[in-house]
Protein backbone atom coordinates (compact mmCIF):
# COMPACT_ATOMS: atom_id res chain seq x y z
CA MET A 1 0.00 0.00 0.00
CA ALA A 2 1.48 3.33 -1.04
CA MET A 3 1.86 6.18 1.40
CA THR A 4 -0.12 9.34 0.98
CA PRO A 5 1.89 12.52 0.41
CA ARG A 6 1.30 13.57 4.05
CA GLU A 7 2.40 10.16 5.35
CA LYS A 8 5.52 10.37 3.18
CA GLU A 9 6.25 13.84 4.58
CA TRP A 10 6.00 12.62 8.19
CA SER A 11 8.03 9.53 7.40
CA ASP A 12 10.79 11.69 5.90
CA ARG A 13 10.73 14.03 8.87
CA ALA A 14 11.04 11.17 11.38
CA ARG A 15 13.85 9.57 9.36
CA ARG A 16 15.80 12.81 9.09
CA PHE A 17 15.27 13.56 12.78
CA ILE A 18 16.80 10.27 13.92
CA LYS A 19 19.71 10.63 11.49
CA VAL A 20 20.46 14.21 12.56
CA GLU A 21 20.15 13.52 16.29
CA ALA A 22 22.38 10.43 16.09
CA LYS A 23 24.99 12.46 14.22
CA ARG A 24 24.67 15.34 16.70
CA ALA A 25 25.22 12.88 19.56
CA ASP A 26 28.16 11.35 17.67
CA VAL A 27 26.42 7.96 17.72
CA THR A 28 27.12 5.65 14.79
CA TYR A 29 24.57 3.13 13.54
CA ALA A 30 26.72 0.40 15.12
CA GLU A 31 26.57 2.18 18.48
CA LEU A 32 22.85 2.83 18.07
CA ALA A 33 22.33 -0.90 17.40
CA LYS A 34 24.35 -1.76 20.52
CA ARG A 35 22.28 0.60 22.66
CA LEU A 36 19.00 -0.72 21.23
CA ASN A 37 20.12 -4.32 21.81
CA GLU A 38 20.85 -3.44 25.44
CA ARG A 39 17.19 -2.37 25.68
CA GLY A 40 15.98 -5.69 24.23
CA LEU A 41 15.51 -4.71 20.59
CA ASP A 42 17.11 -6.94 17.97
CA GLU A 43 18.84 -4.44 15.68
CA THR A 44 22.04 -4.42 13.66
CA GLU A 45 23.93 -1.62 11.98
CA ALA A 46 22.57 -2.89 8.65
CA SER A 47 18.95 -3.06 9.85
CA ILE A 48 19.13 0.49 11.17
CA SER A 49 20.69 1.75 7.96
CA SER A 50 17.99 0.03 5.94
CA LYS A 51 15.15 1.45 8.03
CA LEU A 52 16.53 4.96 7.85
CA GLN A 53 17.15 4.74 4.10
CA ARG A 54 13.61 3.48 3.48
CA GLY A 55 12.13 5.91 5.96
CA THR A 56 9.68 3.31 7.21
CA PHE A 57 9.83 1.87 10.68
CA ALA A 58 7.59 1.13 13.62
CA VAL A 59 6.87 3.81 16.17
CA THR A 60 8.46 1.48 18.74
CA PHE A 61 11.78 1.79 16.87
CA PHE A 62 11.42 5.57 16.76
CA LEU A 63 10.63 5.85 20.48
CA ALA A 64 13.45 3.46 21.40
CA CYS A 65 15.87 5.60 19.37
CA LEU A 66 14.70 8.69 21.24
CA ALA A 67 15.31 6.88 24.52
CA VAL A 68 18.80 5.58 23.74
CA LEU A 69 19.86 8.93 22.27
CA ASN A 70 18.64 10.57 25.51
CA LEU A 71 16.23 12.86 23.69
CA ALA A 72 13.75 13.58 26.46
CA GLY A 73 11.36 16.43 25.88
CA VAL A 74 11.26 16.28 22.08
CA GLN A 75 8.73 18.76 20.72
CA LEU A 76 6.73 17.94 17.60
CA GLU A 77 8.09 21.13 16.11
CA ASP A 78 11.55 19.52 16.31
CA LEU A 79 10.47 16.92 13.78
């Protein structure tokens, strides 16, 4: 099922947000995978790269990334 233009916009914004915040925190995809695995998620550097390239991932992945990047208090305007 294809995304609507609005869904695509939000997907792109979420993808860019995670990529920018990981870079800002100097966290590589390998380190992000390690942190997510420590929280019980089964991720690899390759799986994270794939999700962020596609721009499609579950909200649980997004929220877990916020948690392991220590991004408390994220405002919707930040997305």
